[in-house]
Amino acid sequence: MKAYIFPGQGAQFTGMGLELYQNSARAKALFEKANQTLGFEITKIMFEGTPEQLKQTKVTQPAIFLHSTITAEVMGASFAPDMVAGHSLGEISALVANKTLAFTDALQLVYKRALAMQKACEAAPSTMAAVLGLENT
């Protein structure tokens, strides 16, 4: 059995999606469509941005969504999953991967969600911690 499991916020990194953009006409078209839909060049931030730029919620969430959904689209029939799942933001990516939501509609939803979360964070600054990369001992 094969599955796609999509990540939530925190999986961003500089250069994410660049290899897809450079090597797949389909990926490039989807990234360009995303730039138009969002009204700014998110690809520039994804491919060349600083970690500080990438960790802004209003950038992070659409960037992770794009990387996830475009990877799934490019893999296409070569890895057709039997099921999909996602954590938090990744749930929306999963809905696109299984064709429940259209790419552009989901991108708009993700961006509006990200803007609302960014605004909430700025209105009431707080913090959250995640423990990543623990080794089994």
C-alpha atoms as a PDB file:
ATOM      1  CA  MET A   1       0.000   0.000   0.000  1.00  0.00           C
ATOM      2  CA  LYS A   2       1.284   3.476  -0.915  1.00  0.00           C
ATOM      3  CA  ALA A   3       0.411   6.773   0.763  1.00  0.00           C
ATOM      4  CA  TYR A   4       1.259  10.453   0.628  1.00  0.00           C
ATOM      5  CA  ILE A   5       1.607  12.053   4.052  1.00  0.00           C
ATOM      6  CA  PHE A   6       1.884  15.829   3.828  1.00  0.00           C
ATOM      7  CA  PRO A   7       3.658  18.019   6.417  1.00  0.00           C
ATOM      8  CA  GLY A   8       2.410  21.019   8.289  1.00  0.00           C
ATOM      9  CA  GLN A   9       4.199  24.255   9.051  1.00  0.00           C
ATOM     10  CA  GLY A  10       7.843  23.881   9.990  1.00  0.00           C
ATOM     11  CA  ALA A  11       8.981  21.841   6.991  1.00  0.00           C
ATOM     12  CA  GLN A  12      10.188  24.860   4.999  1.00  0.00           C
ATOM     13  CA  PHE A  13      13.748  25.338   3.742  1.00  0.00           C
ATOM     14  CA  THR A  14      15.523  27.660   1.325  1.00  0.00           C
ATOM     15  CA  GLY A  15      15.564  26.111  -2.137  1.00  0.00           C
ATOM     16  CA  MET A  16      12.376  24.110  -1.652  1.00  0.00           C
ATOM     17  CA  GLY A  17      10.832  23.325  -5.021  1.00  0.00           C
ATOM     18  CA  LEU A  18      13.731  24.685  -7.074  1.00  0.00           C
ATOM     19  CA  GLU A  19      14.693  21.301  -8.513  1.00  0.00           C
ATOM     20  CA  LEU A  20      11.064  20.667  -9.487  1.00  0.00           C
ATOM     21  CA  TYR A  21      10.866  24.102 -11.124  1.00  0.00           C
ATOM     22  CA  GLN A  22      14.062  23.547 -13.090  1.00  0.00           C
ATOM     23  CA  ASN A  23      13.317  19.997 -14.238  1.00  0.00           C
ATOM     24  CA  SER A  24       9.576  19.780 -14.836  1.00  0.00           C
ATOM     25  CA  ALA A  25       7.531  21.889 -17.245  1.00  0.00           C
ATOM     26  CA  ARG A  26       4.380  20.943 -15.305  1.00  0.00           C
ATOM     27  CA  ALA A  27       5.925  22.072 -12.013  1.00  0.00           C
ATOM     28  CA  LYS A  28       7.153  25.326 -13.547  1.00  0.00           C
ATOM     29  CA  ALA A  29       3.660  26.068 -14.891  1.00  0.00           C
ATOM     30  CA  LEU A  30       2.088  25.418 -11.476  1.00  0.00           C
ATOM     31  CA  PHE A  31       4.645  27.593  -9.678  1.00  0.00           C
ATOM     32  CA  GLU A  32       4.017  30.410 -12.180  1.00  0.00           C
ATOM     33  CA  LYS A  33       0.265  29.996 -11.679  1.00  0.00           C
ATOM     34  CA  ALA A  34       0.861  30.276  -7.926  1.00  0.00           C
ATOM     35  CA  ASN A  35       2.836  33.515  -8.367  1.00  0.00           C
ATOM     36  CA  GLN A  36      -0.077  34.962 -10.355  1.00  0.00           C
ATOM     37  CA  THR A  37      -2.716  33.713  -7.922  1.00  0.00           C
ATOM     38  CA  LEU A  38      -0.909  35.089  -4.872  1.00  0.00           C
ATOM     39  CA  GLY A  39       0.054  38.390  -6.499  1.00  0.00           C
ATOM     40  CA  PHE A  40       3.727  38.113  -5.555  1.00  0.00           C
ATOM     41  CA  GLU A  41       6.684  35.913  -6.495  1.00  0.00           C
ATOM     42  CA  ILE A  42       6.568  33.285  -3.794  1.00  0.00           C
ATOM     43  CA  THR A  43       9.012  31.261  -5.887  1.00  0.00           C
ATOM     44  CA  LYS A  44      11.700  33.899  -5.354  1.00  0.00           C
ATOM     45  CA  ILE A  45      11.319  33.528  -1.587  1.00  0.00           C
ATOM     46  CA  MET A  46      11.118  29.727  -1.763  1.00  0.00           C
ATOM     47  CA  PHE A  47      14.164  29.389  -3.993  1.00  0.00           C
ATOM     48  CA  GLU A  48      16.386  32.221  -2.689  1.00  0.00           C
ATOM     49  CA  GLY A  49      14.815  33.581   0.494  1.00  0.00           C
ATOM     50  CA  THR A  50      16.413  33.746   3.892  1.00  0.00           C
ATOM     51  CA  PRO A  51      15.257  31.468   6.704  1.00  0.00           C
ATOM     52  CA  GLU A  52      13.771  34.596   8.324  1.00  0.00           C
ATOM     53  CA  GLN A  53      11.644  35.334   5.234  1.00  0.00           C
ATOM     54  CA  LEU A  54      10.565  31.718   4.933  1.00  0.00           C
ATOM     55  CA  LYS A  55       9.432  31.384   8.535  1.00  0.00           C
ATOM     56  CA  GLN A  56       6.784  34.098   8.220  1.00  0.00           C
ATOM     57  CA  THR A  57       3.467  32.260   8.381  1.00  0.00           C
ATOM     58  CA  LYS A  58       2.109  34.182   5.385  1.00  0.00           C
ATOM     59  CA  VAL A  59       4.977  32.733   3.306  1.00  0.00           C
ATOM     60  CA  THR A  60       5.605  29.418   5.045  1.00  0.00           C
ATOM     61  CA  GLN A  61       2.140  27.965   4.634  1.00  0.00           C
ATOM     62  CA  PRO A  62       1.679  28.610   0.908  1.00  0.00           C
ATOM     63  CA  ALA A  63       5.303  27.560   0.274  1.00  0.00           C
ATOM     64  CA  ILE A  64       4.872  24.202   2.006  1.00  0.00           C
ATOM     65  CA  PHE A  65       1.507  23.689   0.312  1.00  0.00           C
ATOM     66  CA  LEU A  66       3.059  24.399  -3.105  1.00  0.00           C
ATOM     67  CA  HIS A  67       6.047  22.149  -2.546  1.00  0.00           C
ATOM     68  CA  SER A  68       3.814  19.315  -1.342  1.00  0.00           C
ATOM     69  CA  THR A  69       1.109  19.487  -3.983  1.00  0.00           C
ATOM     70  CA  ILE A  70       3.434  20.130  -6.908  1.00  0.00           C
ATOM     71  CA  THR A  71       5.658  17.221  -5.866  1.00  0.00           C
ATOM     72  CA  ALA A  72       2.589  14.965  -5.798  1.00  0.00           C
ATOM     73  CA  GLU A  73       1.421  16.275  -9.182  1.00  0.00           C
ATOM     74  CA  VAL A  74       4.811  15.734 -10.813  1.00  0.00           C
ATOM     75  CA  MET A  75       5.080  12.210  -9.427  1.00  0.00           C
ATOM     76  CA  GLY A  76       1.703  11.515 -11.007  1.00  0.00           C
ATOM     77  CA  ALA A  77       1.127   7.945 -12.112  1.00  0.00           C
ATOM     78  CA  SER A  78       4.668   6.864 -11.205  1.00  0.00           C
ATOM     79  CA  PHE A  79       3.582   6.865  -7.556  1.00  0.00           C
ATOM     80  CA  ALA A  80      -0.189   6.739  -7.333  1.00  0.00           C
ATOM     81  CA  PRO A  81      -1.072   6.569  -3.636  1.00  0.00           C
ATOM     82  CA  ASP A  82      -3.784   4.365  -2.226  1.00  0.00           C
ATOM     83  CA  MET A  83      -4.443   6.975   0.444  1.00  0.00           C
ATOM     84  CA  VAL A  84      -3.414  10.462   1.527  1.00  0.00           C
ATOM     85  CA  ALA A  85      -3.075  12.141   4.906  1.00  0.00           C
ATOM     86  CA  GLY A  86      -1.715  15.372   6.262  1.00  0.00           C
ATOM     87  CA  HIS A  87      -0.829  17.117   9.478  1.00  0.00           C
ATOM     88  CA  SER A  88      -2.505  20.506  10.016  1.00  0.00           C
ATOM     89  CA  LEU A  89      -1.738  22.484   6.831  1.00  0.00           C
ATOM     90  CA  GLY A  90      -0.905  19.158   5.196  1.00  0.00           C
ATOM     91  CA  GLU A  91      -4.575  18.192   5.352  1.00  0.00           C
ATOM     92  CA  ILE A  92      -5.279  20.761   2.636  1.00  0.00           C
ATOM     93  CA  SER A  93      -2.430  19.398   0.507  1.00  0.00           C
ATOM     94  CA  ALA A  94      -3.929  15.927   0.919  1.00  0.00           C
ATOM     95  CA  LEU A  95      -7.306  17.192  -0.312  1.00  0.00           C
ATOM     96  CA  VAL A  96      -5.638  18.499  -3.472  1.00  0.00           C
ATOM     97  CA  ALA A  97      -3.668  15.290  -3.995  1.00  0.00           C
ATOM     98  CA  ASN A  98      -6.838  13.200  -3.905  1.00  0.00           C
ATOM     99  CA  LYS A  99      -8.648  15.675  -6.195  1.00  0.00           C
ATOM    100  CA  THR A 100     -11.170  16.827  -3.569  1.00  0.00           C
ATOM    101  CA  LEU A 101     -10.036  20.461  -3.873  1.00  0.00           C
ATOM    102  CA  ALA A 102      -8.773  22.242  -6.974  1.00  0.00           C
ATOM    103  CA  PHE A 103      -5.175  23.503  -6.805  1.00  0.00           C
ATOM    104  CA  THR A 104      -5.999  27.214  -7.224  1.00  0.00           C
ATOM    105  CA  ASP A 105      -8.951  27.138  -4.817  1.00  0.00           C
ATOM    106  CA  ALA A 106      -6.839  25.395  -2.193  1.00  0.00           C
ATOM    107  CA  LEU A 107      -3.944  27.827  -2.692  1.00  0.00           C
ATOM    108  CA  GLN A 108      -6.301  30.765  -2.121  1.00  0.00           C
ATOM    109  CA  LEU A 109      -7.650  29.066   1.010  1.00  0.00           C
ATOM    110  CA  VAL A 110      -4.144  28.379   2.322  1.00  0.00           C
ATOM    111  CA  TYR A 111      -3.068  31.978   1.708  1.00  0.00           C
ATOM    112  CA  LYS A 112      -6.138  33.451   3.436  1.00  0.00           C
ATOM    113  CA  ARG A 113      -5.570  31.053   6.347  1.00  0.00           C
ATOM    114  CA  ALA A 114      -1.903  32.064   6.527  1.00  0.00           C
ATOM    115  CA  LEU A 115      -2.714  35.784   6.479  1.00  0.00           C
ATOM    116  CA  ALA A 116      -5.264  35.325   9.280  1.00  0.00           C
ATOM    117  CA  MET A 117      -2.777  33.345  11.354  1.00  0.00           C
ATOM    118  CA  GLN A 118      -0.028  35.927  10.702  1.00  0.00           C
ATOM    119  CA  LYS A 119      -2.369  38.721  11.797  1.00  0.00           C
ATOM    120  CA  ALA A 120      -3.339  36.829  14.960  1.00  0.00           C
ATOM    121  CA  CYS A 121       0.330  36.232  15.811  1.00  0.00           C
ATOM    122  CA  GLU A 122       1.150  39.907  15.360  1.00  0.00           C
ATOM    123  CA  ALA A 123      -1.853  41.002  17.465  1.00  0.00           C
ATOM    124  CA  ALA A 124      -0.984  38.683  20.356  1.00  0.00           C
ATOM    125  CA  PRO A 125       2.683  37.648  20.182  1.00  0.00           C
ATOM    126  CA  SER A 126       3.313  34.223  21.605  1.00  0.00           C
ATOM    127  CA  THR A 127       5.487  31.249  20.870  1.00  0.00           C
ATOM    128  CA  MET A 128       5.307  27.564  20.172  1.00  0.00           C
ATOM    129  CA  ALA A 129       8.065  25.002  20.339  1.00  0.00           C
ATOM    130  CA  ALA A 130       8.499  21.791  18.411  1.00  0.00           C
ATOM    131  CA  VAL A 131      10.956  19.042  19.213  1.00  0.00           C
ATOM    132  CA  LEU A 132      12.486  17.778  15.975  1.00  0.00           C
ATOM    133  CA  GLY A 133      15.119  15.219  15.131  1.00  0.00           C
ATOM    134  CA  LEU A 134      15.335  13.220  18.324  1.00  0.00           C
ATOM    135  CA  GLU A 135      17.426  10.110  17.988  1.00  0.00           C
ATOM    136  CA  ASN A 136      16.265   6.784  19.356  1.00  0.00           C
ATOM    137  CA  THR A 137      18.448   5.677  22.238  1.00  0.00           C
END
